[in-house]
Amino acid sequence: MKILAINGSHRKGKNTATLLNTVLDEAAALGASTELLELSDLNIKFCAACNKCLNKTQCSITDDMAIVEKKLLAADGILLGSPVYWVNVTTLMKNFMDRSRYLHLYKNVLDGKVGAALTTAGLLYGGQETTLKIMECFLQFHGLHVVDSRDPNEAIMAPLVAGSLMEGFKDGKVIWRRNAVDDELLATSCKQLARNMVKLIRQLNK
């Protein structure tokens, strides 16, 4: 069982990576093989809209998207992470989504895998739910079974992993967290997301 996490943050190794690694660490503890892929390390060009992928599962562009394709195909679970940029995913994540078109149009080659997504922002109510929905819809359109972070044994657990560095206000000043996982509920949600992914992958692979 392999779970691939794709980080769409422009800031490698920062808060989004920390959240993704929190999920991956829990999945690894449950026996999964894991990998974190940083899109900021890759050279992925823009989609040229040549429509070659309408008739075959092939892209006309030669670049690092071929590396991503191999990792996507080898994974049982795909986890996307992006910070909120203007109530949306980052440019890196959106470009990855656009370039994955050839894996979807002629044939949904990722069909049947397990998917999940997480996001974080600087501010409370900064567009997290919209950003998360964009990534989850992307995974669904590719035919993945999308799971959330709901704990079947805890009614109060939120079904989504959407963090914020802003903890609140005190004496008219903003209280900032040092990093995303300082939010205990968010860290717990990351671990539950991992458990839900692993559970479904095992069910599907029986």
C-alpha atoms as a PDB file:
ATOM      1  CA  MET A   1       0.000   0.000   0.000  1.00  0.00           C
ATOM      2  CA  LYS A   2       1.431   3.349  -1.057  1.00  0.00           C
ATOM      3  CA  ILE A   3       0.172   6.848  -0.326  1.00  0.00           C
ATOM      4  CA  LEU A   4       1.546   9.771  -2.333  1.00  0.00           C
ATOM      5  CA  ALA A   5       1.177  13.309  -0.973  1.00  0.00           C
ATOM      6  CA  ILE A   6       1.528  16.223  -3.391  1.00  0.00           C
ATOM      7  CA  ASN A   7       2.389  19.616  -1.930  1.00  0.00           C
ATOM      8  CA  GLY A   8       1.235  22.591  -3.964  1.00  0.00           C
ATOM      9  CA  SER A   9       2.793  25.171  -1.682  1.00  0.00           C
ATOM     10  CA  HIS A  10       5.318  27.598  -3.138  1.00  0.00           C
ATOM     11  CA  ARG A  11       7.111  27.375   0.216  1.00  0.00           C
ATOM     12  CA  LYS A  12       8.750  23.975   0.422  1.00  0.00           C
ATOM     13  CA  GLY A  13       8.772  22.290   3.814  1.00  0.00           C
ATOM     14  CA  LYS A  14       6.511  24.822   5.525  1.00  0.00           C
ATOM     15  CA  ASN A  15       3.016  24.531   7.010  1.00  0.00           C
ATOM     16  CA  THR A  16       1.317  22.594   4.215  1.00  0.00           C
ATOM     17  CA  ALA A  17       4.212  20.127   4.128  1.00  0.00           C
ATOM     18  CA  THR A  18       3.993  19.768   7.911  1.00  0.00           C
ATOM     19  CA  LEU A  19       0.311  18.868   7.681  1.00  0.00           C
ATOM     20  CA  LEU A  20       0.911  16.437   4.829  1.00  0.00           C
ATOM     21  CA  ASN A  21       3.720  14.786   6.774  1.00  0.00           C
ATOM     22  CA  THR A  22       1.458  14.471   9.809  1.00  0.00           C
ATOM     23  CA  VAL A  23      -0.936  12.444   7.663  1.00  0.00           C
ATOM     24  CA  LEU A  24       1.884  10.413   6.097  1.00  0.00           C
ATOM     25  CA  ASP A  25       3.502   9.633   9.459  1.00  0.00           C
ATOM     26  CA  GLU A  26       0.243   8.222  10.765  1.00  0.00           C
ATOM     27  CA  ALA A  27      -0.279   6.226   7.566  1.00  0.00           C
ATOM     28  CA  ALA A  28       3.263   4.855   7.821  1.00  0.00           C
ATOM     29  CA  ALA A  29       2.571   3.783  11.408  1.00  0.00           C
ATOM     30  CA  LEU A  30      -0.359   1.792  10.010  1.00  0.00           C
ATOM     31  CA  GLY A  31       1.875   0.017   7.505  1.00  0.00           C
ATOM     32  CA  ALA A  32       1.677   2.232   4.439  1.00  0.00           C
ATOM     33  CA  SER A  33       4.604   3.213   2.236  1.00  0.00           C
ATOM     34  CA  THR A  34       4.563   6.991   1.872  1.00  0.00           C
ATOM     35  CA  GLU A  35       6.117   9.767  -0.188  1.00  0.00           C
ATOM     36  CA  LEU A  36       5.867  13.552  -0.193  1.00  0.00           C
ATOM     37  CA  LEU A  37       6.272  15.199  -3.584  1.00  0.00           C
ATOM     38  CA  GLU A  38       7.000  18.930  -3.652  1.00  0.00           C
ATOM     39  CA  LEU A  39       5.687  20.555  -6.822  1.00  0.00           C
ATOM     40  CA  SER A  40       8.091  23.438  -6.220  1.00  0.00           C
ATOM     41  CA  ASP A  41      10.953  21.048  -7.016  1.00  0.00           C
ATOM     42  CA  LEU A  42       9.582  20.171 -10.449  1.00  0.00           C
ATOM     43  CA  ASN A  43       9.539  21.772 -13.874  1.00  0.00           C
ATOM     44  CA  ILE A  44       5.954  21.394 -15.048  1.00  0.00           C
ATOM     45  CA  LYS A  45       5.054  23.557 -18.031  1.00  0.00           C
ATOM     46  CA  PHE A  46       1.635  25.002 -18.772  1.00  0.00           C
ATOM     47  CA  CYS A  47      -0.944  22.988 -20.703  1.00  0.00           C
ATOM     48  CA  ALA A  48      -0.741  23.954 -24.390  1.00  0.00           C
ATOM     49  CA  ALA A  49      -4.381  23.007 -25.111  1.00  0.00           C
ATOM     50  CA  CYS A  50      -3.237  20.958 -28.114  1.00  0.00           C
ATOM     51  CA  ASN A  51      -5.952  18.356 -27.412  1.00  0.00           C
ATOM     52  CA  LYS A  52      -3.703  15.401 -28.208  1.00  0.00           C
ATOM     53  CA  CYS A  53      -5.068  13.764 -25.059  1.00  0.00           C
ATOM     54  CA  LEU A  54      -8.590  13.655 -26.505  1.00  0.00           C
ATOM     55  CA  ASN A  55      -7.713  10.537 -28.485  1.00  0.00           C
ATOM     56  CA  LYS A  56      -5.099   8.854 -26.326  1.00  0.00           C
ATOM     57  CA  THR A  57      -3.724   8.913 -22.794  1.00  0.00           C
ATOM     58  CA  GLN A  58      -0.670  10.915 -23.749  1.00  0.00           C
ATOM     59  CA  CYS A  59       0.619  14.456 -23.317  1.00  0.00           C
ATOM     60  CA  SER A  60       2.544  16.251 -26.064  1.00  0.00           C
ATOM     61  CA  ILE A  61       4.730  18.120 -23.555  1.00  0.00           C
ATOM     62  CA  THR A  62       8.000  16.626 -22.306  1.00  0.00           C
ATOM     63  CA  ASP A  63       8.821  17.713 -18.776  1.00  0.00           C
ATOM     64  CA  ASP A  64       8.634  16.596 -15.137  1.00  0.00           C
ATOM     65  CA  MET A  65       4.941  15.753 -15.386  1.00  0.00           C
ATOM     66  CA  ALA A  66       6.125  12.344 -16.573  1.00  0.00           C
ATOM     67  CA  ILE A  67       7.724  11.848 -13.133  1.00  0.00           C
ATOM     68  CA  VAL A  68       4.477  12.777 -11.426  1.00  0.00           C
ATOM     69  CA  GLU A  69       2.499  10.440 -13.681  1.00  0.00           C
ATOM     70  CA  LYS A  70       4.598   7.418 -12.670  1.00  0.00           C
ATOM     71  CA  LYS A  71       4.141   8.217  -8.996  1.00  0.00           C
ATOM     72  CA  LEU A  72       0.393   8.736  -9.389  1.00  0.00           C
ATOM     73  CA  LEU A  73      -0.029   5.415 -11.178  1.00  0.00           C
ATOM     74  CA  ALA A  74       2.003   3.562  -8.550  1.00  0.00           C
ATOM     75  CA  ALA A  75       0.047   4.998  -5.620  1.00  0.00           C
ATOM     76  CA  ASP A  76      -2.992   3.451  -3.962  1.00  0.00           C
ATOM     77  CA  GLY A  77      -3.830   6.734  -2.261  1.00  0.00           C
ATOM     78  CA  ILE A  78      -3.281  10.319  -3.414  1.00  0.00           C
ATOM     79  CA  LEU A  79      -3.276  13.191  -0.918  1.00  0.00           C
ATOM     80  CA  LEU A  80      -3.296  16.790  -2.133  1.00  0.00           C
ATOM     81  CA  GLY A  81      -2.254  19.774  -0.070  1.00  0.00           C
ATOM     82  CA  SER A  82      -2.368  23.459  -0.918  1.00  0.00           C
ATOM     83  CA  PRO A  83      -2.402  26.642   1.111  1.00  0.00           C
ATOM     84  CA  VAL A  84      -5.151  29.113   0.290  1.00  0.00           C
ATOM     85  CA  TYR A  85      -4.175  31.679  -2.329  1.00  0.00           C
ATOM     86  CA  TRP A  86      -6.997  34.150  -2.942  1.00  0.00           C
ATOM     87  CA  VAL A  87      -9.746  31.657  -1.981  1.00  0.00           C
ATOM     88  CA  ASN A  88      -8.246  29.034  -4.275  1.00  0.00           C
ATOM     89  CA  VAL A  89      -5.383  26.598  -4.700  1.00  0.00           C
ATOM     90  CA  THR A  90      -1.915  27.854  -5.567  1.00  0.00           C
ATOM     91  CA  THR A  91      -0.622  28.346  -9.097  1.00  0.00           C
ATOM     92  CA  LEU A  92       1.556  25.246  -8.692  1.00  0.00           C
ATOM     93  CA  MET A  93      -1.397  23.071  -7.701  1.00  0.00           C
ATOM     94  CA  LYS A  94      -3.669  24.469 -10.412  1.00  0.00           C
ATOM     95  CA  ASN A  95      -0.997  23.926 -13.061  1.00  0.00           C
ATOM     96  CA  PHE A  96      -0.584  20.315 -11.900  1.00  0.00           C
ATOM     97  CA  MET A  97      -4.353  19.873 -12.155  1.00  0.00           C
ATOM     98  CA  ASP A  98      -4.431  21.333 -15.664  1.00  0.00           C
ATOM     99  CA  ARG A  99      -1.585  19.123 -16.830  1.00  0.00           C
ATOM    100  CA  SER A 100      -3.246  15.981 -15.464  1.00  0.00           C
ATOM    101  CA  ARG A 101      -5.899  16.400 -18.163  1.00  0.00           C
ATOM    102  CA  TYR A 102      -4.396  13.622 -20.272  1.00  0.00           C
ATOM    103  CA  LEU A 103      -4.889  11.174 -17.408  1.00  0.00           C
ATOM    104  CA  HIS A 104      -8.621  11.869 -17.452  1.00  0.00           C
ATOM    105  CA  LEU A 105     -10.072  12.771 -20.849  1.00  0.00           C
ATOM    106  CA  TYR A 106      -9.590   9.647 -22.958  1.00  0.00           C
ATOM    107  CA  LYS A 107      -9.603   7.313 -19.964  1.00  0.00           C
ATOM    108  CA  ASN A 108      -9.716   7.856 -16.217  1.00  0.00           C
ATOM    109  CA  VAL A 109      -6.448   6.064 -15.500  1.00  0.00           C
ATOM    110  CA  LEU A 110      -6.524   6.958 -11.778  1.00  0.00           C
ATOM    111  CA  ASP A 111     -10.020   5.533 -11.367  1.00  0.00           C
ATOM    112  CA  GLY A 112     -10.602   3.520  -8.194  1.00  0.00           C
ATOM    113  CA  LYS A 113      -7.760   4.948  -6.125  1.00  0.00           C
ATOM    114  CA  VAL A 114      -8.339   6.649  -2.777  1.00  0.00           C
ATOM    115  CA  GLY A 115      -7.988  10.420  -2.546  1.00  0.00           C
ATOM    116  CA  ALA A 116      -7.998  13.125   0.095  1.00  0.00           C
ATOM    117  CA  ALA A 117      -7.059  16.779   0.450  1.00  0.00           C
ATOM    118  CA  LEU A 118      -6.079  19.337   3.060  1.00  0.00           C
ATOM    119  CA  THR A 119      -5.451  23.045   3.199  1.00  0.00           C
ATOM    120  CA  THR A 120      -4.351  25.826   5.501  1.00  0.00           C
ATOM    121  CA  ALA A 121      -4.377  29.617   5.455  1.00  0.00           C
ATOM    122  CA  GLY A 122      -3.016  32.508   7.431  1.00  0.00           C
ATOM    123  CA  LEU A 123      -6.415  33.817   8.483  1.00  0.00           C
ATOM    124  CA  LEU A 124      -9.498  32.227   9.965  1.00  0.00           C
ATOM    125  CA  TYR A 125     -12.275  31.902   7.365  1.00  0.00           C
ATOM    126  CA  GLY A 126      -9.777  32.697   4.625  1.00  0.00           C
ATOM    127  CA  GLY A 127     -11.264  30.479   1.910  1.00  0.00           C
ATOM    128  CA  GLN A 128     -10.264  27.079   3.271  1.00  0.00           C
ATOM    129  CA  GLU A 129     -13.532  25.303   2.494  1.00  0.00           C
ATOM    130  CA  THR A 130     -13.599  26.540  -1.100  1.00  0.00           C
ATOM    131  CA  THR A 131      -9.958  25.560  -1.641  1.00  0.00           C
ATOM    132  CA  LEU A 132     -10.583  22.120  -0.177  1.00  0.00           C
ATOM    133  CA  LYS A 133     -13.651  21.617  -2.350  1.00  0.00           C
ATOM    134  CA  ILE A 134     -11.659  22.471  -5.489  1.00  0.00           C
ATOM    135  CA  MET A 135      -9.123  19.738  -4.721  1.00  0.00           C
ATOM    136  CA  GLU A 136     -11.754  17.196  -3.720  1.00  0.00           C
ATOM    137  CA  CYS A 137     -13.759  17.819  -6.921  1.00  0.00           C
ATOM    138  CA  PHE A 138     -10.568  17.387  -8.947  1.00  0.00           C
ATOM    139  CA  LEU A 139      -9.957  14.002  -7.316  1.00  0.00           C
ATOM    140  CA  GLN A 140     -13.568  12.935  -7.842  1.00  0.00           C
ATOM    141  CA  PHE A 141     -13.463  13.850 -11.533  1.00  0.00           C
ATOM    142  CA  HIS A 142     -10.419  11.585 -11.853  1.00  0.00           C
ATOM    143  CA  GLY A 143     -12.506   8.750 -10.429  1.00  0.00           C
ATOM    144  CA  LEU A 144     -10.955   8.568  -6.956  1.00  0.00           C
ATOM    145  CA  HIS A 145     -12.844   7.597  -3.818  1.00  0.00           C
ATOM    146  CA  VAL A 146     -12.474  10.766  -1.730  1.00  0.00           C
ATOM    147  CA  VAL A 147     -12.377  10.404   2.047  1.00  0.00           C
ATOM    148  CA  ASP A 148     -12.593  13.046   4.748  1.00  0.00           C
ATOM    149  CA  SER A 149     -11.356  13.237   8.321  1.00  0.00           C
ATOM    150  CA  ARG A 150     -14.583  12.243  10.041  1.00  0.00           C
ATOM    151  CA  ASP A 151     -14.061   9.933  13.017  1.00  0.00           C
ATOM    152  CA  PRO A 152     -16.946   7.438  13.228  1.00  0.00           C
ATOM    153  CA  ASN A 153     -16.499   7.306  16.996  1.00  0.00           C
ATOM    154  CA  GLU A 154     -16.372  11.065  17.623  1.00  0.00           C
ATOM    155  CA  ALA A 155     -19.418  13.078  16.602  1.00  0.00           C
ATOM    156  CA  ILE A 156     -17.658  16.414  17.169  1.00  0.00           C
ATOM    157  CA  MET A 157     -14.784  15.728  14.767  1.00  0.00           C
ATOM    158  CA  ALA A 158     -14.807  17.978  11.708  1.00  0.00           C
ATOM    159  CA  PRO A 159     -14.993  16.171   8.336  1.00  0.00           C
ATOM    160  CA  LEU A 160     -12.340  18.380   6.751  1.00  0.00           C
ATOM    161  CA  VAL A 161      -8.687  19.236   7.315  1.00  0.00           C
ATOM    162  CA  ALA A 162      -8.541  23.010   6.978  1.00  0.00           C
ATOM    163  CA  GLY A 163      -6.160  24.919   9.204  1.00  0.00           C
ATOM    164  CA  SER A 164      -5.254  28.478  10.065  1.00  0.00           C
ATOM    165  CA  LEU A 165      -2.271  30.163  11.676  1.00  0.00           C
ATOM    166  CA  MET A 166      -4.643  32.656  13.240  1.00  0.00           C
ATOM    167  CA  GLU A 167      -5.806  31.418  16.642  1.00  0.00           C
ATOM    168  CA  GLY A 168      -7.966  34.386  17.564  1.00  0.00           C
ATOM    169  CA  PHE A 169      -7.921  37.819  19.200  1.00  0.00           C
ATOM    170  CA  LYS A 170      -6.894  39.048  22.627  1.00  0.00           C
ATOM    171  CA  ASP A 171      -6.918  42.655  23.766  1.00  0.00           C
ATOM    172  CA  GLY A 172      -7.472  43.777  20.172  1.00  0.00           C
ATOM    173  CA  LYS A 173      -4.436  41.911  18.837  1.00  0.00           C
ATOM    174  CA  VAL A 174      -4.233  38.832  16.649  1.00  0.00           C
ATOM    175  CA  ILE A 175      -2.899  35.673  18.289  1.00  0.00           C
ATOM    176  CA  TRP A 176      -0.799  33.705  15.820  1.00  0.00           C
ATOM    177  CA  ARG A 177       0.197  30.056  16.010  1.00  0.00           C
ATOM    178  CA  ARG A 178       3.850  29.243  15.351  1.00  0.00           C
ATOM    179  CA  ASN A 179       2.868  26.505  12.912  1.00  0.00           C
ATOM    180  CA  ALA A 180      -0.257  24.779  11.668  1.00  0.00           C
ATOM    181  CA  VAL A 181      -0.013  21.679  13.864  1.00  0.00           C
ATOM    182  CA  ASP A 182      -0.085  23.815  17.012  1.00  0.00           C
ATOM    183  CA  ASP A 183      -3.827  23.505  16.436  1.00  0.00           C
ATOM    184  CA  GLU A 184      -4.510  20.273  18.323  1.00  0.00           C
ATOM    185  CA  LEU A 185      -7.816  19.605  16.560  1.00  0.00           C
ATOM    186  CA  LEU A 186      -6.156  20.048  13.165  1.00  0.00           C
ATOM    187  CA  ALA A 187      -3.348  17.629  14.045  1.00  0.00           C
ATOM    188  CA  THR A 188      -5.924  15.101  15.256  1.00  0.00           C
ATOM    189  CA  SER A 189      -7.889  15.537  12.021  1.00  0.00           C
ATOM    190  CA  CYS A 190      -4.724  14.854   9.980  1.00  0.00           C
ATOM    191  CA  LYS A 191      -4.200  11.566  11.797  1.00  0.00           C
ATOM    192  CA  GLN A 192      -7.822  10.557  11.350  1.00  0.00           C
ATOM    193  CA  LEU A 193      -7.599  11.371   7.652  1.00  0.00           C
ATOM    194  CA  ALA A 194      -4.666   8.956   7.425  1.00  0.00           C
ATOM    195  CA  ARG A 195      -6.618   6.239   9.208  1.00  0.00           C
ATOM    196  CA  ASN A 196      -9.595   6.720   6.902  1.00  0.00           C
ATOM    197  CA  MET A 197      -7.395   6.536   3.795  1.00  0.00           C
ATOM    198  CA  VAL A 198      -5.623   3.383   4.953  1.00  0.00           C
ATOM    199  CA  LYS A 199      -8.898   1.727   5.939  1.00  0.00           C
ATOM    200  CA  LEU A 200     -10.518   2.346   2.552  1.00  0.00           C
ATOM    201  CA  ILE A 201      -7.435   1.300   0.588  1.00  0.00           C
ATOM    202  CA  ARG A 202      -7.405  -2.007   2.459  1.00  0.00           C
ATOM    203  CA  GLN A 203     -11.102  -2.516   1.826  1.00  0.00           C
ATOM    204  CA  LEU A 204     -10.721  -1.845  -1.892  1.00  0.00           C
ATOM    205  CA  ASN A 205      -7.661  -4.103  -2.205  1.00  0.00           C
ATOM    206  CA  LYS A 206      -9.323  -7.156  -0.659  1.00  0.00           C
END
